Amino acid sequence: MSRTALALAFAVFAAGSAAAADFTCPSMADIVQVGSCPTEPEMRWGFSGYCADNARMYDKDGKDICTDIERYKEAKNVSLWEAGPFQGYLSCTAPPESLKAAKLDDIGVGKAGAITRVVCRYEGGHEMVMRTRAPCTRDGDKAVCGD
């Protein structure tokens, strides 16, 4: 993404009421890994902390990832990836080539309190998300954000 497009995305995010801007989902070929994958000791430490006595507070969605460490790893063995204003936590078990080859399935726009989420869904269940305070609407294969 060019510096101008990135600056525009930041302006829409910061101002919340900037002029309308169009955002298309990034090509997965352009994603860059910006976080590291957890090590085996970090996964075990996280499992014992997350799945301790307080696990009942975390697993409200019914996934029950605390039944064994392998289920925990399926959910938590992820790393942060970015492409312009979009970010996503993608599986560390998926080869980067397969992540970068994933094709766009759908785009969605939703609200979470004051934040608008533009969600790009790709093959394999991967998602890249842009968050902004600006109102957004879906227009075909893009999101239009701003007033």
N, C-alpha and C. Protein backbone atom coordinates (compact mmCIF):
# COMPACT_ATOMS: atom_id res chain seq x y z
N MET A 1 0.86 -1.17 0.00
CA MET A 1 0.00 0.00 0.00
C MET A 1 0.90 1.23 0.00
N SER A 2 0.54 2.23 -0.78
CA SER A 2 1.35 3.44 -0.86
C SER A 2 1.25 4.26 0.42
N ARG A 3 2.20 5.13 0.60
CA ARG A 3 2.18 5.99 1.79
C ARG A 3 0.95 6.89 1.80
N THR A 4 0.53 7.33 0.62
CA THR A 4 -0.66 8.18 0.54
C THR A 4 -1.90 7.42 0.98
N ALA A 5 -2.05 6.18 0.51
CA ALA A 5 -3.21 5.38 0.91
C ALA A 5 -3.18 5.07 2.39
N LEU A 6 -1.99 4.79 2.91
CA LEU A 6 -1.86 4.51 4.34
C LEU A 6 -2.18 5.76 5.16
N ALA A 7 -1.73 6.93 4.70
CA ALA A 7 -2.04 8.17 5.40
C ALA A 7 -3.55 8.44 5.37
N LEU A 8 -4.19 8.16 4.25
CA LEU A 8 -5.64 8.35 4.15
C LEU A 8 -6.37 7.40 5.09
N ALA A 9 -5.92 6.16 5.15
CA ALA A 9 -6.54 5.19 6.07
C ALA A 9 -6.40 5.66 7.51
N PHE A 10 -5.24 6.16 7.87
CA PHE A 10 -5.03 6.65 9.23
C PHE A 10 -5.92 7.87 9.48
N ALA A 11 -6.05 8.75 8.50
CA ALA A 11 -6.88 9.94 8.68
C ALA A 11 -8.33 9.55 8.91
N VAL A 12 -8.83 8.57 8.17
CA VAL A 12 -10.20 8.11 8.37
C VAL A 12 -10.33 7.52 9.77
N PHE A 13 -9.34 6.74 10.20
CA PHE A 13 -9.38 6.13 11.53
C PHE A 13 -9.35 7.21 12.62
N ALA A 14 -8.44 8.16 12.49
CA ALA A 14 -8.24 9.16 13.54
C ALA A 14 -9.39 10.17 13.60
N ALA A 15 -9.82 10.64 12.46
CA ALA A 15 -10.84 11.68 12.46
C ALA A 15 -12.24 11.13 12.70
N GLY A 16 -12.50 9.99 12.16
CA GLY A 16 -13.82 9.40 12.34
C GLY A 16 -14.88 10.05 11.47
N SER A 17 -14.63 11.22 10.94
CA SER A 17 -15.62 11.87 10.09
C SER A 17 -14.94 12.57 8.92
N ALA A 18 -13.95 11.91 8.36
CA ALA A 18 -13.25 12.45 7.20
C ALA A 18 -14.08 12.21 5.95
N ALA A 19 -13.61 12.75 4.84
CA ALA A 19 -14.28 12.51 3.57
C ALA A 19 -14.29 11.01 3.31
N ALA A 20 -15.28 10.56 2.55
CA ALA A 20 -15.42 9.14 2.27
C ALA A 20 -14.19 8.60 1.54
N ALA A 21 -13.80 7.39 1.92
CA ALA A 21 -12.67 6.72 1.29
C ALA A 21 -13.08 5.28 1.01
N ASP A 22 -12.61 4.75 -0.12
CA ASP A 22 -12.88 3.37 -0.49
C ASP A 22 -11.74 2.48 -0.01
N PHE A 23 -12.09 1.33 0.55
CA PHE A 23 -11.11 0.36 1.00
C PHE A 23 -11.44 -0.99 0.39
N THR A 24 -10.50 -1.55 -0.34
CA THR A 24 -10.66 -2.89 -0.87
C THR A 24 -9.84 -3.84 -0.04
N CYS A 25 -10.28 -5.07 0.01
CA CYS A 25 -9.55 -6.08 0.78
C CYS A 25 -8.17 -6.29 0.14
N PRO A 26 -7.17 -6.45 0.98
CA PRO A 26 -5.83 -6.65 0.42
C PRO A 26 -5.69 -8.03 -0.19
N SER A 27 -4.80 -8.13 -1.14
CA SER A 27 -4.43 -9.43 -1.67
C SER A 27 -3.59 -10.11 -0.59
N MET A 28 -3.86 -11.38 -0.33
CA MET A 28 -3.07 -12.09 0.67
C MET A 28 -1.61 -12.20 0.24
N ALA A 29 -1.33 -12.03 -1.05
CA ALA A 29 0.05 -12.05 -1.53
C ALA A 29 0.85 -10.89 -0.93
N ASP A 30 0.15 -9.84 -0.47
CA ASP A 30 0.81 -8.64 0.06
C ASP A 30 0.95 -8.64 1.58
N ILE A 31 0.47 -9.67 2.27
CA ILE A 31 0.53 -9.66 3.72
C ILE A 31 1.97 -9.83 4.20
N VAL A 32 2.26 -9.22 5.36
CA VAL A 32 3.58 -9.29 5.96
C VAL A 32 3.41 -9.72 7.41
N GLN A 33 4.20 -10.70 7.82
CA GLN A 33 4.14 -11.15 9.21
C GLN A 33 4.88 -10.14 10.08
N VAL A 34 4.19 -9.58 11.09
CA VAL A 34 4.80 -8.57 11.96
C VAL A 34 4.95 -9.07 13.40
N GLY A 35 4.37 -10.19 13.72
CA GLY A 35 4.51 -10.79 15.05
C GLY A 35 5.16 -12.15 14.90
N SER A 36 5.73 -12.62 15.97
CA SER A 36 6.36 -13.93 15.91
C SER A 36 5.39 -15.01 16.40
N CYS A 37 5.62 -16.22 15.94
CA CYS A 37 4.81 -17.35 16.40
C CYS A 37 5.29 -17.76 17.79
N PRO A 38 4.37 -18.18 18.65
CA PRO A 38 4.77 -18.58 19.99
C PRO A 38 5.61 -19.86 19.96
N THR A 39 6.55 -19.94 20.88
CA THR A 39 7.38 -21.13 21.00
C THR A 39 6.59 -22.20 21.76
N GLU A 40 7.10 -23.42 21.75
CA GLU A 40 6.44 -24.50 22.48
C GLU A 40 6.35 -24.18 23.98
N PRO A 41 7.43 -23.69 24.63
CA PRO A 41 7.29 -23.31 26.05
C PRO A 41 6.26 -22.20 26.28
N GLU A 42 6.16 -21.23 25.37
CA GLU A 42 5.16 -20.18 25.50
C GLU A 42 3.74 -20.74 25.36
N MET A 43 3.58 -21.71 24.46
CA MET A 43 2.26 -22.33 24.30
C MET A 43 1.88 -23.08 25.57
N ARG A 44 2.79 -23.82 26.16
CA ARG A 44 2.50 -24.58 27.38
C ARG A 44 2.21 -23.63 28.54
N TRP A 45 2.97 -22.54 28.63
CA TRP A 45 2.75 -21.54 29.68
C TRP A 45 1.36 -20.90 29.50
N GLY A 46 1.03 -20.56 28.27
CA GLY A 46 -0.28 -19.96 28.00
C GLY A 46 -1.42 -20.93 28.31
N PHE A 47 -1.23 -22.19 27.96
CA PHE A 47 -2.26 -23.20 28.23
C PHE A 47 -2.50 -23.33 29.72
N SER A 48 -1.42 -23.40 30.50
CA SER A 48 -1.60 -23.57 31.94
C SER A 48 -2.20 -22.32 32.58
N GLY A 49 -1.93 -21.14 32.03
CA GLY A 49 -2.52 -19.92 32.58
C GLY A 49 -3.95 -19.71 32.12
N TYR A 50 -4.18 -19.83 30.81
CA TYR A 50 -5.50 -19.60 30.23
C TYR A 50 -6.49 -20.68 30.67
N CYS A 51 -6.02 -21.89 30.77
CA CYS A 51 -6.91 -23.01 31.07
C CYS A 51 -6.88 -23.41 32.55
N ALA A 52 -6.43 -22.52 33.39
CA ALA A 52 -6.42 -22.79 34.84
C ALA A 52 -7.84 -22.61 35.39
N ASP A 53 -7.95 -22.30 36.64
CA ASP A 53 -9.24 -22.16 37.31
C ASP A 53 -10.14 -21.11 36.67
N ASN A 54 -9.56 -20.12 36.03
CA ASN A 54 -10.36 -19.04 35.44
C ASN A 54 -10.83 -19.35 34.02
N ALA A 55 -10.56 -20.53 33.50
CA ALA A 55 -10.92 -20.88 32.12
C ALA A 55 -12.41 -20.71 31.88
N ARG A 56 -13.23 -20.96 32.87
CA ARG A 56 -14.68 -20.84 32.69
C ARG A 56 -15.08 -19.42 32.29
N MET A 57 -14.26 -18.43 32.64
CA MET A 57 -14.57 -17.04 32.28
C MET A 57 -14.19 -16.77 30.82
N TYR A 58 -13.20 -17.48 30.30
CA TYR A 58 -12.73 -17.23 28.95
C TYR A 58 -13.50 -18.00 27.89
N ASP A 59 -13.87 -19.23 28.16
CA ASP A 59 -14.47 -20.10 27.16
C ASP A 59 -15.98 -20.00 27.11
N LYS A 60 -16.50 -18.78 27.05
CA LYS A 60 -17.95 -18.58 27.01
C LYS A 60 -18.54 -18.87 25.64
N ASP A 61 -17.70 -18.97 24.62
CA ASP A 61 -18.22 -19.22 23.28
C ASP A 61 -18.42 -20.70 22.97
N GLY A 62 -18.13 -21.56 23.92
CA GLY A 62 -18.40 -22.99 23.75
C GLY A 62 -17.34 -23.76 23.00
N LYS A 63 -16.21 -23.16 22.67
CA LYS A 63 -15.18 -23.87 21.93
C LYS A 63 -14.45 -24.89 22.80
N ASP A 64 -14.46 -24.66 24.09
CA ASP A 64 -13.84 -25.58 25.04
C ASP A 64 -12.43 -25.98 24.62
N ILE A 65 -11.57 -24.99 24.42
CA ILE A 65 -10.21 -25.26 23.97
C ILE A 65 -9.31 -25.77 25.10
N CYS A 66 -9.84 -25.84 26.30
CA CYS A 66 -9.03 -26.25 27.43
C CYS A 66 -9.10 -27.75 27.73
N THR A 67 -9.70 -28.53 26.82
CA THR A 67 -9.76 -29.97 27.08
C THR A 67 -8.39 -30.62 26.94
N ASP A 68 -7.56 -30.12 26.01
CA ASP A 68 -6.17 -30.59 25.92
C ASP A 68 -5.35 -29.53 25.20
N ILE A 69 -4.04 -29.64 25.31
CA ILE A 69 -3.16 -28.61 24.77
C ILE A 69 -3.24 -28.54 23.25
N GLU A 70 -3.51 -29.64 22.57
CA GLU A 70 -3.60 -29.60 21.11
C GLU A 70 -4.77 -28.74 20.64
N ARG A 71 -5.91 -28.81 21.32
CA ARG A 71 -7.05 -27.94 20.98
C ARG A 71 -6.70 -26.48 21.27
N TYR A 72 -5.99 -26.26 22.36
CA TYR A 72 -5.54 -24.91 22.71
C TYR A 72 -4.64 -24.37 21.60
N LYS A 73 -3.69 -25.18 21.15
CA LYS A 73 -2.76 -24.75 20.10
C LYS A 73 -3.50 -24.40 18.81
N GLU A 74 -4.53 -25.15 18.47
CA GLU A 74 -5.30 -24.86 17.26
C GLU A 74 -5.86 -23.44 17.29
N ALA A 75 -6.28 -23.00 18.48
CA ALA A 75 -6.89 -21.67 18.61
C ALA A 75 -5.88 -20.56 18.85
N LYS A 76 -4.80 -20.87 19.56
CA LYS A 76 -3.90 -19.82 20.03
C LYS A 76 -2.54 -19.76 19.36
N ASN A 77 -2.22 -20.71 18.49
CA ASN A 77 -0.92 -20.71 17.82
C ASN A 77 -1.02 -19.83 16.58
N VAL A 78 -1.05 -18.51 16.81
CA VAL A 78 -1.24 -17.53 15.75
C VAL A 78 -0.20 -16.42 15.85
N SER A 79 -0.08 -15.68 14.76
CA SER A 79 0.84 -14.55 14.70
C SER A 79 0.14 -13.40 13.96
N LEU A 80 0.53 -12.18 14.27
CA LEU A 80 -0.07 -11.01 13.64
C LEU A 80 0.54 -10.78 12.26
N TRP A 81 -0.34 -10.56 11.28
CA TRP A 81 0.05 -10.22 9.91
C TRP A 81 -0.65 -8.92 9.54
N GLU A 82 -0.05 -8.14 8.64
CA GLU A 82 -0.62 -6.86 8.21
C GLU A 82 -0.53 -6.70 6.71
N ALA A 83 -1.43 -5.90 6.18
CA ALA A 83 -1.40 -5.43 4.80
C ALA A 83 -2.10 -4.09 4.81
N GLY A 84 -1.34 -3.00 4.75
CA GLY A 84 -1.92 -1.66 4.83
C GLY A 84 -2.64 -1.49 6.15
N PRO A 85 -3.89 -1.00 6.14
CA PRO A 85 -4.61 -0.79 7.40
C PRO A 85 -5.28 -2.07 7.93
N PHE A 86 -5.11 -3.19 7.23
CA PHE A 86 -5.73 -4.45 7.63
C PHE A 86 -4.75 -5.30 8.43
N GLN A 87 -5.29 -5.97 9.46
CA GLN A 87 -4.50 -6.86 10.31
C GLN A 87 -5.27 -8.15 10.53
N GLY A 88 -4.52 -9.20 10.80
CA GLY A 88 -5.16 -10.47 11.12
C GLY A 88 -4.22 -11.38 11.88
N TYR A 89 -4.79 -12.14 12.80
CA TYR A 89 -4.04 -13.17 13.50
C TYR A 89 -4.23 -14.46 12.74
N LEU A 90 -3.18 -14.91 12.08
CA LEU A 90 -3.24 -16.07 11.21
C LEU A 90 -2.46 -17.23 11.81
N SER A 91 -2.88 -18.43 11.47
CA SER A 91 -2.31 -19.65 12.04
C SER A 91 -0.82 -19.79 11.75
N CYS A 92 -0.08 -20.17 12.78
CA CYS A 92 1.35 -20.43 12.61
C CYS A 92 1.59 -21.82 12.04
N THR A 93 0.57 -22.65 11.99
CA THR A 93 0.74 -23.99 11.42
C THR A 93 0.54 -23.99 9.92
N ALA A 94 -0.08 -22.95 9.38
CA ALA A 94 -0.27 -22.85 7.94
C ALA A 94 1.02 -22.32 7.30
N PRO A 95 1.50 -22.98 6.25
CA PRO A 95 2.69 -22.47 5.57
C PRO A 95 2.42 -21.07 4.99
N PRO A 96 3.38 -20.16 5.11
CA PRO A 96 3.18 -18.80 4.58
C PRO A 96 2.75 -18.79 3.11
N GLU A 97 3.25 -19.74 2.31
CA GLU A 97 2.87 -19.78 0.90
C GLU A 97 1.37 -20.02 0.74
N SER A 98 0.81 -20.88 1.60
CA SER A 98 -0.63 -21.14 1.49
C SER A 98 -1.44 -19.94 1.98
N LEU A 99 -0.96 -19.24 3.00
CA LEU A 99 -1.64 -18.02 3.44
C LEU A 99 -1.65 -16.99 2.32
N LYS A 100 -0.49 -16.80 1.69
CA LYS A 100 -0.36 -15.78 0.65
C LYS A 100 -1.13 -16.14 -0.63
N ALA A 101 -1.47 -17.41 -0.78
CA ALA A 101 -2.21 -17.85 -1.97
C ALA A 101 -3.72 -17.82 -1.77
N ALA A 102 -4.19 -17.59 -0.54
CA ALA A 102 -5.63 -17.62 -0.25
C ALA A 102 -6.35 -16.52 -1.02
N LYS A 103 -7.49 -16.88 -1.59
CA LYS A 103 -8.30 -15.94 -2.36
C LYS A 103 -9.44 -15.40 -1.50
N LEU A 104 -9.86 -14.19 -1.82
CA LEU A 104 -10.95 -13.53 -1.09
C LEU A 104 -12.26 -14.26 -1.30
N ASP A 105 -12.96 -14.55 -0.20
CA ASP A 105 -14.29 -15.15 -0.26
C ASP A 105 -15.40 -14.11 -0.11
N ASP A 106 -15.20 -13.17 0.85
CA ASP A 106 -16.29 -12.25 1.19
C ASP A 106 -15.73 -11.05 1.94
N ILE A 107 -16.48 -9.98 1.93
CA ILE A 107 -16.16 -8.79 2.73
C ILE A 107 -17.40 -8.46 3.56
N GLY A 108 -17.18 -8.09 4.81
CA GLY A 108 -18.28 -7.73 5.68
C GLY A 108 -17.98 -6.46 6.44
N VAL A 109 -19.02 -5.76 6.83
CA VAL A 109 -18.88 -4.53 7.61
C VAL A 109 -19.80 -4.66 8.81
N GLY A 110 -19.27 -4.39 10.00
CA GLY A 110 -20.07 -4.47 11.21
C GLY A 110 -19.62 -3.49 12.25
N LYS A 111 -20.46 -3.27 13.23
CA LYS A 111 -20.16 -2.34 14.33
C LYS A 111 -19.90 -3.12 15.60
N ALA A 112 -18.95 -2.65 16.37
CA ALA A 112 -18.67 -3.17 17.71
C ALA A 112 -18.51 -1.93 18.60
N GLY A 113 -19.63 -1.48 19.15
CA GLY A 113 -19.61 -0.23 19.91
C GLY A 113 -19.37 0.93 18.96
N ALA A 114 -18.36 1.76 19.26
CA ALA A 114 -18.05 2.92 18.42
C ALA A 114 -17.13 2.56 17.25
N ILE A 115 -16.67 1.33 17.21
CA ILE A 115 -15.72 0.91 16.19
C ILE A 115 -16.43 0.17 15.06
N THR A 116 -16.08 0.53 13.83
CA THR A 116 -16.56 -0.19 12.66
C THR A 116 -15.46 -1.16 12.25
N ARG A 117 -15.86 -2.40 11.96
CA ARG A 117 -14.91 -3.43 11.52
C ARG A 117 -15.21 -3.79 10.07
N VAL A 118 -14.20 -3.65 9.22
CA VAL A 118 -14.28 -4.13 7.85
C VAL A 118 -13.52 -5.45 7.84
N VAL A 119 -14.25 -6.54 7.59
CA VAL A 119 -13.68 -7.89 7.69
C VAL A 119 -13.58 -8.51 6.30
N CYS A 120 -12.36 -8.87 5.93
CA CYS A 120 -12.11 -9.56 4.67
C CYS A 120 -11.90 -11.03 5.00
N ARG A 121 -12.75 -11.89 4.43
CA ARG A 121 -12.67 -13.33 4.70
C ARG A 121 -12.10 -14.04 3.48
N TYR A 122 -11.11 -14.89 3.74
CA TYR A 122 -10.39 -15.58 2.67
C TYR A 122 -10.58 -17.09 2.79
N GLU A 123 -10.21 -17.79 1.72
CA GLU A 123 -10.22 -19.25 1.73
C GLU A 123 -9.48 -19.77 2.95
N GLY A 124 -9.94 -20.85 3.50
CA GLY A 124 -9.28 -21.44 4.65
C GLY A 124 -9.68 -20.82 5.97
N GLY A 125 -10.66 -19.90 5.94
CA GLY A 125 -11.13 -19.28 7.18
C GLY A 125 -10.26 -18.15 7.69
N HIS A 126 -9.32 -17.67 6.89
CA HIS A 126 -8.45 -16.58 7.31
C HIS A 126 -9.19 -15.25 7.20
N GLU A 127 -8.91 -14.33 8.13
CA GLU A 127 -9.56 -13.01 8.10
C GLU A 127 -8.52 -11.91 8.30
N MET A 128 -8.71 -10.83 7.57
CA MET A 128 -7.95 -9.60 7.76
C MET A 128 -8.98 -8.52 8.08
N VAL A 129 -8.71 -7.70 9.09
CA VAL A 129 -9.69 -6.76 9.61
C VAL A 129 -9.10 -5.35 9.66
N MET A 130 -9.90 -4.37 9.26
CA MET A 130 -9.56 -2.96 9.45
C MET A 130 -10.57 -2.40 10.44
N ARG A 131 -10.08 -1.68 11.43
CA ARG A 131 -10.94 -1.05 12.43
C ARG A 131 -10.86 0.46 12.26
N THR A 132 -12.01 1.11 12.37
CA THR A 132 -12.07 2.57 12.25
C THR A 132 -13.25 3.09 13.06
N ARG A 133 -13.18 4.35 13.42
CA ARG A 133 -14.31 4.99 14.09
C ARG A 133 -15.28 5.59 13.07
N ALA A 134 -14.85 5.65 11.82
CA ALA A 134 -15.70 6.19 10.76
C ALA A 134 -16.80 5.20 10.41
N PRO A 135 -17.98 5.70 10.04
CA PRO A 135 -19.03 4.78 9.57
C PRO A 135 -18.63 4.22 8.21
N CYS A 136 -18.89 2.94 8.00
CA CYS A 136 -18.57 2.28 6.73
C CYS A 136 -19.78 1.53 6.22
N THR A 137 -19.87 1.43 4.92
CA THR A 137 -20.88 0.61 4.29
C THR A 137 -20.21 -0.23 3.21
N ARG A 138 -20.80 -1.37 2.94
CA ARG A 138 -20.27 -2.23 1.89
C ARG A 138 -20.83 -1.76 0.56
N ASP A 139 -19.96 -1.68 -0.41
CA ASP A 139 -20.36 -1.31 -1.77
C ASP A 139 -19.69 -2.29 -2.73
N GLY A 140 -20.38 -3.38 -3.01
CA GLY A 140 -19.81 -4.42 -3.87
C GLY A 140 -18.66 -5.13 -3.17
N ASP A 141 -17.48 -5.05 -3.76
CA ASP A 141 -16.31 -5.73 -3.21
C ASP A 141 -15.40 -4.78 -2.42
N LYS A 142 -15.96 -3.64 -1.96
CA LYS A 142 -15.16 -2.70 -1.19
C LYS A 142 -16.00 -2.13 -0.04
N ALA A 143 -15.33 -1.44 0.87
CA ALA A 143 -16.00 -0.72 1.95
C ALA A 143 -15.78 0.76 1.72
N VAL A 144 -16.85 1.53 1.88
CA VAL A 144 -16.77 2.99 1.78
C VAL A 144 -16.90 3.53 3.19
N CYS A 145 -15.86 4.23 3.65
CA CYS A 145 -15.82 4.72 5.03
C CYS A 145 -15.72 6.23 5.06
N GLY A 146 -16.43 6.83 5.99
CA GLY A 146 -16.43 8.28 6.15
C GLY A 146 -17.81 8.84 5.95
N ASP A 147 -17.92 10.13 6.10
CA ASP A 147 -19.22 10.80 5.95
C ASP A 147 -19.52 11.14 4.52
